[in-house]
Protein backbone atom coordinates (compact mmCIF):
# COMPACT_ATOMS: atom_id res chain seq x y z
CA MET A 1 -26.44 1.33 73.87
CA ASN A 2 -26.80 1.71 70.11
CA LEU A 3 -23.67 1.38 67.99
CA ARG A 4 -23.05 3.40 64.82
CA PRO A 5 -20.42 2.89 62.10
CA ILE A 6 -17.25 4.90 61.58
CA GLY A 7 -17.45 5.84 57.90
CA LYS A 8 -17.28 2.80 55.66
CA THR A 9 -15.17 0.81 58.13
CA THR A 10 -16.27 -2.14 60.25
CA ILE A 11 -15.64 -0.13 63.44
CA ARG A 12 -18.80 0.61 65.39
CA VAL A 13 -18.89 3.08 68.26
CA SER A 14 -21.40 3.72 71.02
CA GLU A 15 -23.58 6.63 70.00
CA ILE A 16 -22.60 8.26 73.28
CA GLY A 17 -18.88 8.03 73.87
CA PHE A 18 -16.81 9.78 76.51
CA GLY A 19 -14.42 12.64 75.85
CA CYS A 20 -11.19 12.40 77.84
CA TRP A 21 -9.90 15.99 77.74
CA THR A 22 -10.73 16.41 81.44
CA MET A 23 -8.39 13.50 82.29
CA GLY A 24 -5.43 15.70 81.39
CA GLY A 25 -6.07 18.19 84.20
CA PRO A 26 -4.61 21.72 84.06
CA ASN A 27 -2.37 22.54 81.11
CA PHE A 28 -0.92 25.56 79.33
CA SER A 29 0.01 26.25 75.73
CA PRO A 30 3.81 26.36 75.35
CA ALA A 31 3.34 28.83 72.50
CA THR A 32 1.03 31.36 74.18
CA GLY A 33 0.93 30.45 77.85
CA GLN A 34 -2.87 30.36 77.70
CA PRO A 35 -4.74 27.64 79.63
CA ILE A 36 -5.64 24.64 77.46
CA GLY A 37 -6.61 22.12 80.13
CA TRP A 38 -9.20 21.63 82.85
CA ALA A 39 -9.39 21.73 86.61
CA ASP A 40 -7.42 18.94 88.23
CA VAL A 41 -9.05 15.53 88.48
CA ASN A 42 -9.00 12.67 90.97
CA ASP A 43 -7.89 9.36 89.50
CA GLU A 44 -10.34 7.32 91.56
CA ASP A 45 -13.20 9.56 90.44
CA MET A 46 -12.16 8.95 86.85
CA VAL A 47 -12.12 5.18 87.36
CA ALA A 48 -15.63 5.37 88.80
CA GLY A 49 -16.81 7.45 85.86
CA VAL A 50 -15.28 5.07 83.33
CA LYS A 51 -17.02 2.14 85.05
CA VAL A 52 -20.39 3.87 84.78
CA GLY A 53 -19.80 4.33 81.07
CA LEU A 54 -18.68 0.75 80.53
CA ASP A 55 -21.66 -0.64 82.43
CA ALA A 56 -23.95 1.39 80.16
CA GLY A 57 -22.29 0.10 77.00
CA VAL A 58 -19.92 2.98 76.21
CA ASN A 59 -17.07 1.66 74.06
CA HIS A 60 -15.79 4.91 72.53
CA TRP A 61 -13.09 6.95 74.34
CA ASP A 62 -11.79 10.12 72.72
CA ASN A 63 -8.32 11.33 73.71
CA ALA A 64 -5.39 13.38 72.35
CA ASP A 65 -1.66 13.66 72.89
CA VAL A 66 -2.03 17.29 73.97
CA TYR A 67 -4.56 16.58 76.73
CA GLY A 68 -2.30 17.04 79.73
CA ASN A 69 0.62 16.33 77.40
CA GLY A 70 0.00 12.59 77.61
CA ARG A 71 -1.56 12.48 81.07
CA ALA A 72 -5.08 11.90 79.72
CA GLU A 73 -3.92 8.97 77.60
CA ARG A 74 -2.09 7.42 80.55
CA THR A 75 -5.09 7.97 82.84
CA LEU A 76 -7.47 6.27 80.41
CA ALA A 77 -5.12 3.29 80.12
CA GLN A 78 -4.88 3.08 83.90
CA CYS A 79 -8.67 3.19 84.30
CA LEU A 80 -9.27 0.42 81.75
CA ALA A 81 -6.51 -1.71 83.28
CA LYS A 82 -7.89 -1.31 86.82
CA LEU A 83 -11.31 -2.37 85.62
CA GLY A 84 -9.94 -5.40 83.75
CA VAL A 85 -11.35 -4.33 80.40
CA ALA A 86 -10.41 -6.36 77.32
CA ARG A 87 -8.72 -4.07 74.81
CA SER A 88 -10.55 -5.61 71.85
CA THR A 89 -13.92 -4.50 73.24
CA GLN A 90 -13.08 -0.79 73.20
CA VAL A 91 -12.66 1.84 70.49
CA ILE A 92 -9.90 4.22 71.53
CA ALA A 93 -9.38 7.46 69.65
CA THR A 94 -6.49 9.86 70.03
CA LYS A 95 -5.07 12.74 68.04
CA VAL A 96 -1.91 14.42 66.80
CA GLY A 97 -1.48 17.96 65.54
CA HIS A 98 -1.22 20.40 68.44
CA PHE A 99 1.69 18.98 70.42
CA LYS A 100 4.87 19.46 68.37
CA GLY A 101 7.53 18.45 70.86
CA THR A 102 10.89 19.56 69.44
CA ALA A 103 9.72 19.48 65.81
CA PRO A 104 9.24 22.79 63.98
CA TYR A 105 5.57 21.98 63.42
CA ALA A 106 3.21 19.31 64.73
CA MET A 107 2.24 18.18 61.20
CA ALA A 108 5.81 17.18 60.30
CA PRO A 109 5.70 13.48 59.33
CA SER A 110 8.48 12.59 61.77
CA ASN A 111 6.49 14.18 64.60
CA ILE A 112 3.29 12.37 63.59
CA ARG A 113 5.13 9.05 63.77
CA TYR A 114 6.87 9.89 67.03
CA GLN A 115 3.65 11.03 68.67
CA CYS A 116 1.82 7.95 67.44
CA GLU A 117 4.45 5.72 69.04
CA GLN A 118 4.27 7.72 72.27
CA SER A 119 0.46 7.54 72.30
CA LEU A 120 0.67 3.78 71.87
CA ARG A 121 2.92 3.61 74.93
CA ASN A 122 0.72 5.97 76.94
CA LEU A 123 -2.41 3.99 76.08
CA ARG A 124 -0.69 0.62 76.72
CA THR A 125 -1.82 -0.72 73.37
CA ASP A 126 -0.30 -1.80 70.07
CA TYR A 127 -2.94 -0.12 67.90
CA ILE A 128 -5.10 3.01 67.88
CA ASP A 129 -8.64 2.54 66.59
CA LEU A 130 -9.22 6.14 65.46
CA TYR A 131 -6.23 8.41 64.88
CA TYR A 132 -7.09 12.01 64.10
CA ILE A 133 -5.19 14.91 62.70
CA HIS A 134 -6.11 17.39 65.41
CA HIS A 135 -5.89 20.60 63.41
CA GLY A 136 -7.06 21.78 60.00
CA SER A 137 -4.10 24.02 59.17
CA TYR A 138 -1.27 22.04 57.64
CA ILE A 139 0.84 25.09 56.89
CA GLY A 140 3.63 25.91 59.32
CA PRO A 141 7.38 26.38 59.69
CA ASP A 142 9.87 23.86 58.38
CA TYR A 143 13.43 23.23 59.56
CA ASP A 144 14.62 26.27 57.59
CA HIS A 145 12.02 28.50 59.28
CA LYS A 146 10.10 28.81 56.02
CA GLN A 147 6.36 28.25 55.70
CA HIS A 148 5.67 24.77 54.42
CA ASP A 149 2.50 22.91 53.42
CA TYR A 150 2.58 19.52 55.17
CA LEU A 151 -0.79 18.24 53.96
CA HIS A 152 0.30 15.61 51.44
CA GLU A 153 3.22 14.25 53.46
CA ALA A 154 1.19 14.23 56.68
CA ALA A 155 -1.56 12.29 54.90
CA ALA A 156 1.01 9.84 53.54
CA GLU A 157 2.39 9.27 57.04
CA MET A 158 -1.07 8.65 58.48
CA HIS A 159 -1.79 6.07 55.80
CA ALA A 160 1.60 4.45 56.37
CA LEU A 161 0.70 4.03 60.05
CA LYS A 162 -2.60 2.50 59.02
CA LYS A 163 -0.89 0.10 56.61
CA GLU A 164 1.48 -0.97 59.41
CA GLY A 165 -1.49 -1.82 61.65
CA LYS A 166 -0.77 0.86 64.22
CA VAL A 167 -3.93 2.74 63.22
CA ARG A 168 -7.27 1.23 62.21
CA ALA A 169 -9.05 4.33 60.91
CA ILE A 170 -8.06 7.92 60.14
CA GLY A 171 -9.85 11.04 61.31
CA GLN A 172 -9.74 14.77 60.64
CA SER A 173 -10.57 17.36 63.27
CA ALA A 174 -10.69 20.89 61.85
CA TYR A 175 -12.27 24.23 62.66
CA THR A 176 -13.45 25.70 59.36
CA ASP A 177 -15.28 24.55 56.24
CA GLU A 178 -12.27 25.66 54.22
CA ASP A 179 -9.88 23.43 56.17
CA PHE A 180 -12.18 20.41 55.91
CA THR A 181 -12.71 21.01 52.19
CA ARG A 182 -8.99 21.15 51.55
CA ALA A 183 -7.97 18.23 53.77
CA ILE A 184 -10.62 15.58 53.13
CA PRO A 185 -9.79 14.73 49.47
CA VAL A 186 -6.11 14.31 50.38
CA LEU A 187 -6.24 12.70 53.82
CA LYS A 188 -9.25 10.55 52.91
CA PRO A 189 -10.48 10.28 56.52
CA ASP A 190 -13.09 7.83 57.72
CA VAL A 191 -14.40 10.16 60.41
CA LEU A 192 -14.51 13.89 61.08
CA GLN A 193 -14.73 15.74 64.37
CA ASN A 194 -15.73 19.15 65.61
CA LYS A 195 -17.97 20.76 68.17
CA ALA A 196 -21.73 20.42 67.70
CA ASN A 197 -24.48 21.34 70.10
CA LEU A 198 -27.70 23.33 70.38
CA ARG A 199 -25.72 26.58 70.49
CA TYR A 200 -23.28 25.69 67.72
CA ASP A 201 -24.35 23.59 64.74
CA PRO A 202 -22.64 24.87 61.54
CA PHE A 203 -21.08 21.46 60.81
CA ILE A 204 -24.24 19.38 61.25
CA ARG A 205 -26.89 21.86 60.09
CA PRO A 206 -29.00 20.49 57.20
CA GLY A 207 -27.56 21.56 53.86
CA CYS A 208 -24.26 22.81 55.29
CA ALA A 209 -21.00 22.41 53.38
CA LEU A 210 -19.64 19.64 55.60
CA GLN A 211 -22.78 17.55 55.26
CA LYS A 212 -22.27 17.61 51.50
CA LEU A 213 -18.61 16.62 51.89
CA MET A 214 -19.58 13.69 54.11
CA ASP A 215 -22.12 12.56 51.54
CA GLN A 216 -19.46 12.74 48.85
CA HIS A 217 -16.63 11.01 50.75
CA GLY A 218 -18.50 8.57 52.98
CA CYS A 219 -17.37 10.06 56.30
CA THR A 220 -19.21 10.10 59.59
CA PHE A 221 -19.03 12.76 62.29
CA VAL A 222 -18.08 12.69 65.98
CA ALA A 223 -19.47 15.65 67.93
CA PHE A 224 -17.54 17.00 70.87
CA GLY A 225 -19.03 19.52 73.30
CA PRO A 226 -22.66 18.34 73.03
CA LEU A 227 -23.36 19.79 76.49
CA ASP A 228 -21.28 22.90 75.80
CA GLN A 229 -19.09 22.28 78.85
CA GLY A 230 -22.12 22.17 81.13
CA ILE A 231 -23.76 25.37 79.90
CA LEU A 232 -26.65 23.41 78.36
CA LEU A 233 -27.25 21.64 81.68
CA ASP A 234 -28.38 24.88 83.35
CA LYS A 235 -25.85 24.30 86.12
CA PHE A 236 -24.36 27.82 86.31
CA ASP A 237 -25.93 30.80 88.08
CA PRO A 238 -25.85 33.84 85.76
CA GLU A 239 -25.72 36.19 88.75
CA HIS A 240 -22.64 34.40 90.09
CA PRO A 241 -20.64 33.23 87.05
CA PRO A 242 -18.22 30.39 87.74
CA LYS A 243 -14.52 30.88 88.39
CA PHE A 244 -12.24 28.10 87.26
CA GLU A 245 -8.85 26.89 88.42
CA GLU A 246 -5.63 28.12 86.88
CA GLY A 247 -4.88 26.10 83.77
CA ASP A 248 -8.58 25.53 83.00
CA TYR A 249 -9.48 26.37 79.40
CA ARG A 250 -12.91 27.67 80.40
CA ASN A 251 -11.28 30.79 81.84
CA ASN A 252 -10.78 31.90 78.21
CA ARG A 253 -14.42 31.50 77.17
CA LYS A 254 -16.75 34.48 77.06
CA ASP A 255 -19.77 32.22 77.47
CA PHE A 256 -19.42 32.03 81.26
CA THR A 257 -20.51 35.63 81.77
CA THR A 258 -23.70 36.92 83.34
CA ASP A 259 -25.21 38.11 80.04
CA ALA A 260 -24.38 34.92 78.13
CA LEU A 261 -25.64 32.63 80.89
CA ARG A 262 -28.85 34.64 81.27
CA ALA A 263 -29.59 34.24 77.56
CA VAL A 264 -29.09 30.48 77.71
CA LYS A 265 -31.09 30.15 80.93
CA ASP A 266 -34.12 31.74 79.28
CA LYS A 267 -33.96 29.24 76.42
CA LEU A 268 -33.53 26.33 78.84
CA ARG A 269 -36.62 27.52 80.72
CA ARG A 270 -38.60 27.06 77.49
CA VAL A 271 -36.99 23.63 77.02
CA GLY A 272 -38.08 22.68 80.53
CA GLU A 273 -41.66 23.67 79.77
CA ARG A 274 -41.83 21.71 76.51
CA PHE A 275 -40.26 18.55 77.94
CA ASP A 276 -42.02 18.81 81.35
CA LEU A 277 -38.79 18.96 83.35
CA ASP A 278 -39.92 21.12 86.25
CA LYS A 279 -41.39 18.18 88.14
CA LEU A 280 -37.99 16.43 88.23
CA SER A 281 -35.41 16.51 91.00
CA PRO A 282 -32.37 18.73 90.29
CA GLU A 283 -30.20 15.70 89.47
CA ASP A 284 -32.84 14.12 87.22
CA ARG A 285 -33.42 17.46 85.50
CA THR A 286 -29.70 17.74 84.74
CA SER A 287 -29.71 14.23 83.27
CA ALA A 288 -32.81 15.03 81.22
CA LEU A 289 -31.17 18.15 79.78
CA SER A 290 -28.08 16.06 78.97
CA SER A 291 -30.28 13.55 77.16
CA ILE A 292 -32.06 16.27 75.18
CA ALA A 293 -28.77 17.89 74.16
CA SER A 294 -27.12 14.65 73.03
CA ARG A 295 -30.21 13.22 71.30
CA TRP A 296 -30.63 16.47 69.38
CA VAL A 297 -27.10 16.15 67.97
CA LEU A 298 -27.52 12.42 67.30
CA ALA A 299 -30.66 13.12 65.26
CA HIS A 300 -28.57 14.72 62.50
CA PRO A 301 -27.35 12.80 59.43
CA HIS A 302 -23.81 11.36 59.54
CA VAL A 303 -23.38 11.84 63.30
CA CYS A 304 -22.10 8.56 64.72
CA SER A 305 -21.30 9.62 68.29
CA THR A 306 -21.39 12.46 70.77
CA ILE A 307 -18.53 12.60 73.28
CA PRO A 308 -19.42 14.59 76.40
CA GLY A 309 -16.66 14.97 78.93
CA PHE A 310 -16.81 13.82 82.55
CA ARG A 311 -14.97 14.08 85.85
CA ASN A 312 -16.75 11.54 88.04
CA ALA A 313 -19.49 8.92 88.22
CA LYS A 314 -22.26 11.48 88.69
CA GLN A 315 -21.38 13.29 85.47
CA ALA A 316 -20.95 9.96 83.66
CA ARG A 317 -24.47 8.88 84.70
CA SER A 318 -25.82 12.15 83.36
CA ASN A 319 -23.96 11.68 80.07
CA ILE A 320 -25.46 8.27 79.31
CA LYS A 321 -29.11 9.23 79.87
CA GLY A 322 -29.53 9.98 76.18
CA ALA A 323 -28.69 6.38 75.33
CA THR A 324 -31.69 5.05 77.26
CA ASP A 325 -34.25 7.55 75.98
CA ALA A 326 -36.10 7.26 72.67
CA PRO A 327 -34.59 9.00 69.63
CA MET A 328 -35.70 12.60 69.31
CA SER A 329 -38.65 13.34 67.05
CA GLU A 330 -38.23 15.51 63.99
CA ALA A 331 -40.67 18.00 65.51
CA ASP A 332 -38.56 18.38 68.66
CA VAL A 333 -35.35 18.68 66.62
CA THR A 334 -36.89 21.52 64.59
CA TRP A 335 -38.37 23.24 67.64
CA LEU A 336 -35.04 23.20 69.49
CA ARG A 337 -33.20 24.56 66.46
CA GLU A 338 -35.64 27.45 66.31
CA VAL A 339 -35.34 28.15 70.06
CA PHE A 340 -31.56 28.35 69.91
CA ALA A 341 -31.39 30.21 66.60
CA GLY A 342 -29.16 33.25 66.96
CA GLU A 343 -27.34 31.62 69.88
CA GLU A 344 -24.48 30.41 67.67
CA GLN A 345 -21.02 31.00 69.04
CA PRO A 346 -18.01 32.19 67.05
CA LYS A 347 -16.05 29.63 65.06
CA TRP A 348 -14.13 27.32 67.40
CA THR A 349 -10.45 28.29 67.51
């Protein structure tokens, strides 16, 4: 497993890490009631998946306080403890910014500190390797119900936590170029995060605004959703779109419809022809598509890690295939970009 640096720090992460959102199971937004989780998970399946990752050299685990409202953090800690993993060998990331508890807004400095302390307890650790602000909008209600800009005080609190040794590196997850542009000079993050895959590449596309910001500020990029929640693995039948459990975020997505899945399936057929996938078994073909999707993202400047999610050992084995294959050629990167041109999804919200 190749390791890549987090910004200008000494922290090095596996180029394929594992996203832990699935560990939180079903969840709902307290503000809107909309599903923001996943189908329920089996703890033993998660342990088996984590072991597959560890055996392959995965050292990067991406979590958040809002994933199952702490359940995902506790599950990760439980998995690592059961497997007897030394804390110093792993890079654990978590985030703050969506879960506000009883504070008026999640970016309030007091809430950032409280959630950091709670994440430390959930993760059974005394430091967090990568601590992200999980949202790009720092403007929200204060204790007098007035709109308040928390950016500077939130940044100060994050750096205070770093100075105290509770955080090793600071990250910014955001959803628009405007939010990244505003936050980066103030927060001074080491690493940025957003979705990036064959169907959605505005933050890693050559010449894009964020690439220029990363050049200027020395940040690297962690890409979530490299497999687009399984859509890029050709695992869904367009004629029988999947139905997900209550509390599963995917129920909100318009990409799991017949028309959307048909469009992707046609592009994946062309991918199969170019990369000679038709001769493979169904399981090997899925792993090969996973490898192609992750290696395509990893071929872009500044990307230090992709973090596909997983629910079990089978999915974990599929995730790591890209780490054992050769880096993608420039010709294949260009060809894939052209195949999926026009496939771009709306801005992630």
